[in-house]
Amino acid sequence: MSNKKDVLARRRKIVAILRGIVLVTGIYQIINEPLVGLAILLSLVAISFPAFVSRGRIKAMPLEFELILFIMVVLQLVIGETLNFYDHVPYYDKLVHFMLPFFLGFIAAMFAYTMQATGSLKASLVPTMFVVVMVALGIGAIWEIIEYLSDVFLGTYLQGSLTASPLVDTMNDMIFDLAGGIFGALLVLRYVKRDGKNKKSRLRALAQEIKNDF
């Protein structure tokens, strides 16, 4: 039991450090790139105060989800945009295209498992994971459409990368989106197989948190 408490305590410290990084970066970017800075600060508020943002519909964010969401913000906005890794580090965008759907797939799969464990979802878990993966891929496809429309109508250069043409880059991005979603769903299935029958496991506790808070 103490080991679990130590793990949670370490995760809380990591979340606190990430909050500080995101806050400092957001303030810095407000001065240099106001839109990016605003996006960073809004992300910080949304993750840290879900009850305020959702008008009480979400009471709190499970610690694991909070940690995941902060890592997503750091990868996308802090490292990618503020440190400009997208323009200067080859294949960094592919890492992000894998990691973000991976995290989204994991979170969505945990929601699906919670609904199944609490009787709100009658479908078996494996077909549900397939739907989760398709949702992760769909979100990636929507982002690619946004990039295309931005390049066409706003004159930006979001498509393409340091190593590929716009078309090849888009298709590679979607492949990485799919792979990330699959790995996220498989990770949850692994946890379910290992800890699903243990009523005292962190998996069961996390499912209960999701049920209570959402």
C-alpha atoms as a PDB file:
ATOM      1  CA  MET A   1       0.000   0.000   0.000  1.00  0.00           C
ATOM      2  CA  SER A   2       2.823   2.378   0.899  1.00  0.00           C
ATOM      3  CA  ASN A   3       4.429   1.691  -2.474  1.00  0.00           C
ATOM      4  CA  LYS A   4       1.236   2.807  -4.254  1.00  0.00           C
ATOM      5  CA  LYS A   5       1.163   5.950  -2.116  1.00  0.00           C
ATOM      6  CA  ASP A   6       4.790   6.671  -2.998  1.00  0.00           C
ATOM      7  CA  VAL A   7       4.008   6.276  -6.717  1.00  0.00           C
ATOM      8  CA  LEU A   8       1.043   8.659  -6.463  1.00  0.00           C
ATOM      9  CA  ALA A   9       3.154  11.138  -4.488  1.00  0.00           C
ATOM     10  CA  ARG A  10       5.825  11.091  -7.214  1.00  0.00           C
ATOM     11  CA  ARG A  11       3.167  11.617  -9.872  1.00  0.00           C
ATOM     12  CA  ARG A  12       1.813  14.613  -7.951  1.00  0.00           C
ATOM     13  CA  LYS A  13       5.305  16.111  -7.844  1.00  0.00           C
ATOM     14  CA  ILE A  14       5.689  15.576 -11.596  1.00  0.00           C
ATOM     15  CA  VAL A  15       2.296  17.224 -12.211  1.00  0.00           C
ATOM     16  CA  ALA A  16       3.333  20.197 -10.053  1.00  0.00           C
ATOM     17  CA  ILE A  17       6.577  20.570 -12.038  1.00  0.00           C
ATOM     18  CA  LEU A  18       4.689  20.365 -15.347  1.00  0.00           C
ATOM     19  CA  ARG A  19       2.201  22.986 -14.138  1.00  0.00           C
ATOM     20  CA  GLY A  20       5.096  25.315 -13.374  1.00  0.00           C
ATOM     21  CA  ILE A  21       6.689  24.730 -16.782  1.00  0.00           C
ATOM     22  CA  VAL A  22       3.397  25.307 -18.589  1.00  0.00           C
ATOM     23  CA  LEU A  23       2.659  28.474 -16.575  1.00  0.00           C
ATOM     24  CA  VAL A  24       6.085  30.030 -17.163  1.00  0.00           C
ATOM     25  CA  THR A  25       6.000  29.099 -20.851  1.00  0.00           C
ATOM     26  CA  GLY A  26       2.501  30.529 -21.271  1.00  0.00           C
ATOM     27  CA  ILE A  27       3.481  33.859 -19.720  1.00  0.00           C
ATOM     28  CA  TYR A  28       6.615  33.995 -21.862  1.00  0.00           C
ATOM     29  CA  GLN A  29       4.690  33.225 -25.034  1.00  0.00           C
ATOM     30  CA  ILE A  30       2.003  35.830 -24.292  1.00  0.00           C
ATOM     31  CA  ILE A  31       4.738  38.411 -24.837  1.00  0.00           C
ATOM     32  CA  ASN A  32       6.235  36.815 -27.968  1.00  0.00           C
ATOM     33  CA  GLU A  33       3.379  34.884 -29.620  1.00  0.00           C
ATOM     34  CA  PRO A  34       0.094  35.873 -27.941  1.00  0.00           C
ATOM     35  CA  LEU A  35      -2.078  33.193 -29.569  1.00  0.00           C
ATOM     36  CA  VAL A  36       0.253  30.347 -28.597  1.00  0.00           C
ATOM     37  CA  GLY A  37       0.669  31.813 -25.106  1.00  0.00           C
ATOM     38  CA  LEU A  38      -3.081  32.078 -24.685  1.00  0.00           C
ATOM     39  CA  ALA A  39      -3.546  28.483 -25.821  1.00  0.00           C
ATOM     40  CA  ILE A  40      -0.971  27.333 -23.259  1.00  0.00           C
ATOM     41  CA  LEU A  41      -2.588  29.242 -20.388  1.00  0.00           C
ATOM     42  CA  LEU A  42      -6.099  28.091 -21.343  1.00  0.00           C
ATOM     43  CA  SER A  43      -4.844  24.503 -21.407  1.00  0.00           C
ATOM     44  CA  LEU A  44      -3.386  24.992 -17.942  1.00  0.00           C
ATOM     45  CA  VAL A  45      -6.710  26.281 -16.604  1.00  0.00           C
ATOM     46  CA  ALA A  46      -8.713  23.515 -18.305  1.00  0.00           C
ATOM     47  CA  ILE A  47      -6.545  20.752 -16.822  1.00  0.00           C
ATOM     48  CA  SER A  48      -6.075  22.282 -13.373  1.00  0.00           C
ATOM     49  CA  PHE A  49      -9.658  23.431 -12.774  1.00  0.00           C
ATOM     50  CA  PRO A  50     -11.971  21.056 -14.702  1.00  0.00           C
ATOM     51  CA  ALA A  51     -14.916  21.784 -12.399  1.00  0.00           C
ATOM     52  CA  PHE A  52     -14.699  25.503 -13.257  1.00  0.00           C
ATOM     53  CA  VAL A  53     -14.308  24.936 -16.995  1.00  0.00           C
ATOM     54  CA  SER A  54     -17.057  22.302 -17.192  1.00  0.00           C
ATOM     55  CA  ARG A  55     -19.412  24.203 -14.854  1.00  0.00           C
ATOM     56  CA  GLY A  56     -19.276  21.415 -12.317  1.00  0.00           C
ATOM     57  CA  ARG A  57     -19.946  18.558 -14.734  1.00  0.00           C
ATOM     58  CA  ILE A  58     -16.426  17.238 -14.117  1.00  0.00           C
ATOM     59  CA  LYS A  59     -15.530  17.373 -10.426  1.00  0.00           C
ATOM     60  CA  ALA A  60     -11.847  16.542 -10.709  1.00  0.00           C
ATOM     61  CA  MET A  61      -9.321  15.029 -13.061  1.00  0.00           C
ATOM     62  CA  PRO A  62      -7.754  11.652 -12.133  1.00  0.00           C
ATOM     63  CA  LEU A  63      -4.067  12.143 -11.417  1.00  0.00           C
ATOM     64  CA  GLU A  64      -3.035   9.890 -14.303  1.00  0.00           C
ATOM     65  CA  PHE A  65      -5.181  11.863 -16.748  1.00  0.00           C
ATOM     66  CA  GLU A  66      -3.870  15.169 -15.435  1.00  0.00           C
ATOM     67  CA  LEU A  67      -0.302  13.966 -15.908  1.00  0.00           C
ATOM     68  CA  ILE A  68      -1.061  12.723 -19.429  1.00  0.00           C
ATOM     69  CA  LEU A  69      -2.778  15.956 -20.467  1.00  0.00           C
ATOM     70  CA  PHE A  70       0.081  18.086 -19.157  1.00  0.00           C
ATOM     71  CA  ILE A  71       2.585  15.960 -21.084  1.00  0.00           C
ATOM     72  CA  MET A  72       0.459  16.481 -24.213  1.00  0.00           C
ATOM     73  CA  VAL A  73       0.545  20.265 -23.704  1.00  0.00           C
ATOM     74  CA  VAL A  74       4.311  20.190 -23.148  1.00  0.00           C
ATOM     75  CA  LEU A  75       4.925  18.105 -26.281  1.00  0.00           C
ATOM     76  CA  GLN A  76       2.638  20.159 -28.531  1.00  0.00           C
ATOM     77  CA  LEU A  77       2.847  23.732 -27.278  1.00  0.00           C
ATOM     78  CA  VAL A  78       5.925  24.036 -25.062  1.00  0.00           C
ATOM     79  CA  ILE A  79       8.485  21.925 -26.937  1.00  0.00           C
ATOM     80  CA  GLY A  80       6.880  21.940 -30.380  1.00  0.00           C
ATOM     81  CA  GLU A  81       5.778  25.582 -30.634  1.00  0.00           C
ATOM     82  CA  THR A  82       7.749  27.559 -28.041  1.00  0.00           C
ATOM     83  CA  LEU A  83      11.093  25.774 -28.533  1.00  0.00           C
ATOM     84  CA  ASN A  84      10.257  25.441 -32.243  1.00  0.00           C
ATOM     85  CA  PHE A  85      11.136  21.756 -32.483  1.00  0.00           C
ATOM     86  CA  TYR A  86       8.660  21.384 -35.352  1.00  0.00           C
ATOM     87  CA  ASP A  87      10.833  23.524 -37.616  1.00  0.00           C
ATOM     88  CA  HIS A  88      14.262  22.447 -36.442  1.00  0.00           C
ATOM     89  CA  VAL A  89      14.129  18.809 -35.304  1.00  0.00           C
ATOM     90  CA  PRO A  90      13.461  16.197 -38.018  1.00  0.00           C
ATOM     91  CA  TYR A  91      10.718  13.707 -37.190  1.00  0.00           C
ATOM     92  CA  TYR A  92       9.702  15.519 -33.992  1.00  0.00           C
ATOM     93  CA  ASP A  93       6.246  16.001 -35.504  1.00  0.00           C
ATOM     94  CA  LYS A  94       6.034  12.216 -36.035  1.00  0.00           C
ATOM     95  CA  LEU A  95       6.786  11.668 -32.355  1.00  0.00           C
ATOM     96  CA  VAL A  96       3.930  14.025 -31.465  1.00  0.00           C
ATOM     97  CA  HIS A  97       1.603  12.380 -33.999  1.00  0.00           C
ATOM     98  CA  PHE A  98       2.271   9.059 -32.285  1.00  0.00           C
ATOM     99  CA  MET A  99       2.210  10.215 -28.667  1.00  0.00           C
ATOM    100  CA  LEU A 100      -0.939  12.377 -28.701  1.00  0.00           C
ATOM    101  CA  PRO A 101      -3.222   9.652 -30.190  1.00  0.00           C
ATOM    102  CA  PHE A 102      -1.500   7.175 -27.854  1.00  0.00           C
ATOM    103  CA  PHE A 103      -2.535   9.278 -24.861  1.00  0.00           C
ATOM    104  CA  LEU A 104      -5.999   9.968 -26.280  1.00  0.00           C
ATOM    105  CA  GLY A 105      -6.470   6.275 -27.026  1.00  0.00           C
ATOM    106  CA  PHE A 106      -5.456   5.388 -23.478  1.00  0.00           C
ATOM    107  CA  ILE A 107      -7.861   7.912 -21.937  1.00  0.00           C
ATOM    108  CA  ALA A 108     -10.740   6.929 -24.224  1.00  0.00           C
ATOM    109  CA  ALA A 109     -10.094   3.230 -23.567  1.00  0.00           C
ATOM    110  CA  MET A 110     -10.157   3.874 -19.808  1.00  0.00           C
ATOM    111  CA  PHE A 111     -13.540   5.576 -20.184  1.00  0.00           C
ATOM    112  CA  ALA A 112     -14.772   2.576 -22.183  1.00  0.00           C
ATOM    113  CA  TYR A 113     -13.491   0.167 -19.529  1.00  0.00           C
ATOM    114  CA  THR A 114     -15.158   2.230 -16.793  1.00  0.00           C
ATOM    115  CA  MET A 115     -18.486   2.160 -18.632  1.00  0.00           C
ATOM    116  CA  GLN A 116     -18.198  -1.589 -19.094  1.00  0.00           C
ATOM    117  CA  ALA A 117     -17.134  -2.243 -15.487  1.00  0.00           C
ATOM    118  CA  THR A 118     -20.031  -0.173 -14.140  1.00  0.00           C
ATOM    119  CA  GLY A 119     -22.619  -1.690 -16.468  1.00  0.00           C
ATOM    120  CA  SER A 120     -23.159   1.428 -18.591  1.00  0.00           C
ATOM    121  CA  LEU A 121     -21.724  -0.277 -21.685  1.00  0.00           C
ATOM    122  CA  LYS A 122     -22.887  -3.749 -22.715  1.00  0.00           C
ATOM    123  CA  ALA A 123     -20.460  -4.294 -25.611  1.00  0.00           C
ATOM    124  CA  SER A 124     -17.349  -6.389 -25.000  1.00  0.00           C
ATOM    125  CA  LEU A 125     -14.086  -4.542 -24.506  1.00  0.00           C
ATOM    126  CA  VAL A 126     -12.183  -5.629 -27.648  1.00  0.00           C
ATOM    127  CA  PRO A 127     -14.727  -4.224 -30.199  1.00  0.00           C
ATOM    128  CA  THR A 128     -14.938  -1.114 -28.054  1.00  0.00           C
ATOM    129  CA  MET A 129     -11.160  -0.705 -28.307  1.00  0.00           C
ATOM    130  CA  PHE A 130     -11.509  -0.812 -32.092  1.00  0.00           C
ATOM    131  CA  VAL A 131     -13.943   2.105 -31.906  1.00  0.00           C
ATOM    132  CA  VAL A 132     -11.499   3.936 -29.623  1.00  0.00           C
ATOM    133  CA  VAL A 133      -8.709   3.507 -32.180  1.00  0.00           C
ATOM    134  CA  MET A 134     -10.960   4.782 -34.981  1.00  0.00           C
ATOM    135  CA  VAL A 135     -11.835   7.833 -32.870  1.00  0.00           C
ATOM    136  CA  ALA A 136      -8.128   8.565 -32.314  1.00  0.00           C
ATOM    137  CA  LEU A 137      -7.506   8.238 -36.056  1.00  0.00           C
ATOM    138  CA  GLY A 138     -10.511  10.458 -36.786  1.00  0.00           C
ATOM    139  CA  ILE A 139      -9.177  13.202 -34.517  1.00  0.00           C
ATOM    140  CA  GLY A 140      -5.849  13.012 -36.370  1.00  0.00           C
ATOM    141  CA  ALA A 141      -7.651  13.245 -39.721  1.00  0.00           C
ATOM    142  CA  ILE A 142      -9.597  16.316 -38.561  1.00  0.00           C
ATOM    143  CA  TRP A 143      -6.320  17.972 -37.570  1.00  0.00           C
ATOM    144  CA  GLU A 144      -4.870  17.280 -41.023  1.00  0.00           C
ATOM    145  CA  ILE A 145      -7.945  18.898 -42.608  1.00  0.00           C
ATOM    146  CA  ILE A 146      -7.472  21.946 -40.380  1.00  0.00           C
ATOM    147  CA  GLU A 147      -3.833  22.197 -41.467  1.00  0.00           C
ATOM    148  CA  TYR A 148      -4.838  21.974 -45.130  1.00  0.00           C
ATOM    149  CA  LEU A 149      -7.552  24.634 -44.801  1.00  0.00           C
ATOM    150  CA  SER A 150      -5.179  26.908 -42.901  1.00  0.00           C
ATOM    151  CA  ASP A 151      -2.536  26.605 -45.611  1.00  0.00           C
ATOM    152  CA  VAL A 152      -5.079  27.267 -48.380  1.00  0.00           C
ATOM    153  CA  PHE A 153      -6.993  30.157 -46.852  1.00  0.00           C
ATOM    154  CA  LEU A 154      -4.590  31.700 -44.339  1.00  0.00           C
ATOM    155  CA  GLY A 155      -1.320  31.231 -46.221  1.00  0.00           C
ATOM    156  CA  THR A 156       0.344  29.197 -43.463  1.00  0.00           C
ATOM    157  CA  TYR A 157       2.790  26.336 -44.031  1.00  0.00           C
ATOM    158  CA  LEU A 158       1.522  23.685 -41.645  1.00  0.00           C
ATOM    159  CA  GLN A 159       1.652  20.801 -44.114  1.00  0.00           C
ATOM    160  CA  GLY A 160       4.924  19.242 -45.105  1.00  0.00           C
ATOM    161  CA  SER A 161       7.995  18.771 -42.927  1.00  0.00           C
ATOM    162  CA  LEU A 162      11.766  18.933 -42.990  1.00  0.00           C
ATOM    163  CA  THR A 163      11.895  15.470 -44.534  1.00  0.00           C
ATOM    164  CA  ALA A 164       8.739  15.077 -46.677  1.00  0.00           C
ATOM    165  CA  SER A 165       6.408  16.815 -49.116  1.00  0.00           C
ATOM    166  CA  PRO A 166       2.936  17.891 -47.876  1.00  0.00           C
ATOM    167  CA  LEU A 167       1.145  14.805 -49.254  1.00  0.00           C
ATOM    168  CA  VAL A 168       3.707  12.298 -47.951  1.00  0.00           C
ATOM    169  CA  ASP A 169       3.888  14.134 -44.630  1.00  0.00           C
ATOM    170  CA  THR A 170       0.088  14.031 -44.220  1.00  0.00           C
ATOM    171  CA  MET A 171      -0.117  10.300 -44.931  1.00  0.00           C
ATOM    172  CA  ASN A 172       2.784   9.568 -42.586  1.00  0.00           C
ATOM    173  CA  ASP A 173       1.111  11.658 -39.876  1.00  0.00           C
ATOM    174  CA  MET A 174      -2.092   9.624 -40.168  1.00  0.00           C
ATOM    175  CA  ILE A 175      -0.149   6.352 -40.011  1.00  0.00           C
ATOM    176  CA  PHE A 176       1.503   7.502 -36.796  1.00  0.00           C
ATOM    177  CA  ASP A 177      -1.898   8.656 -35.487  1.00  0.00           C
ATOM    178  CA  LEU A 178      -3.267   5.160 -36.102  1.00  0.00           C
ATOM    179  CA  ALA A 179      -0.271   3.463 -34.490  1.00  0.00           C
ATOM    180  CA  GLY A 180      -0.524   5.694 -31.417  1.00  0.00           C
ATOM    181  CA  GLY A 181      -4.227   4.999 -30.965  1.00  0.00           C
ATOM    182  CA  ILE A 182      -3.649   1.250 -31.270  1.00  0.00           C
ATOM    183  CA  PHE A 183      -0.868   1.224 -28.682  1.00  0.00           C
ATOM    184  CA  GLY A 184      -2.942   3.332 -26.261  1.00  0.00           C
ATOM    185  CA  ALA A 185      -5.894   0.936 -26.493  1.00  0.00           C
ATOM    186  CA  LEU A 186      -3.610  -2.113 -26.204  1.00  0.00           C
ATOM    187  CA  LEU A 187      -2.048  -0.685 -23.059  1.00  0.00           C
ATOM    188  CA  VAL A 188      -5.459  -0.491 -21.396  1.00  0.00           C
ATOM    189  CA  LEU A 189      -6.282  -4.039 -22.524  1.00  0.00           C
ATOM    190  CA  ARG A 190      -3.005  -5.184 -20.954  1.00  0.00           C
ATOM    191  CA  TYR A 191      -3.909  -3.500 -17.668  1.00  0.00           C
ATOM    192  CA  VAL A 192      -7.392  -5.011 -17.748  1.00  0.00           C
ATOM    193  CA  LYS A 193      -5.968  -8.478 -18.349  1.00  0.00           C
ATOM    194  CA  ARG A 194      -3.415  -8.101 -15.552  1.00  0.00           C
ATOM    195  CA  ASP A 195      -5.331  -6.120 -12.910  1.00  0.00           C
ATOM    196  CA  GLY A 196      -8.973  -6.217 -13.995  1.00  0.00           C
ATOM    197  CA  LYS A 197      -9.954  -8.964 -11.544  1.00  0.00           C
ATOM    198  CA  ASN A 198      -8.109  -7.412  -8.620  1.00  0.00           C
ATOM    199  CA  LYS A 199     -10.618  -5.241  -6.766  1.00  0.00           C
ATOM    200  CA  LYS A 200      -7.791  -3.366  -5.014  1.00  0.00           C
ATOM    201  CA  SER A 201      -5.811  -2.594  -8.164  1.00  0.00           C
ATOM    202  CA  ARG A 202      -5.105   0.959  -9.325  1.00  0.00           C
ATOM    203  CA  LEU A 203      -7.067   0.142 -12.485  1.00  0.00           C
ATOM    204  CA  ARG A 204     -10.245  -0.444 -10.475  1.00  0.00           C
ATOM    205  CA  ALA A 205      -9.560   2.640  -8.360  1.00  0.00           C
ATOM    206  CA  LEU A 206      -9.054   4.759 -11.479  1.00  0.00           C
ATOM    207  CA  ALA A 207     -12.289   3.439 -12.991  1.00  0.00           C
ATOM    208  CA  GLN A 208     -14.111   4.371  -9.781  1.00  0.00           C
ATOM    209  CA  GLU A 209     -12.577   7.877  -9.865  1.00  0.00           C
ATOM    210  CA  ILE A 210     -13.763   8.339 -13.441  1.00  0.00           C
ATOM    211  CA  LYS A 211     -17.253   7.164 -12.526  1.00  0.00           C
ATOM    212  CA  ASN A 212     -17.452   9.517  -9.525  1.00  0.00           C
ATOM    213  CA  ASP A 213     -15.890  12.595 -11.097  1.00  0.00           C
ATOM    214  CA  PHE A 214     -17.373  12.445 -14.587  1.00  0.00           C
END
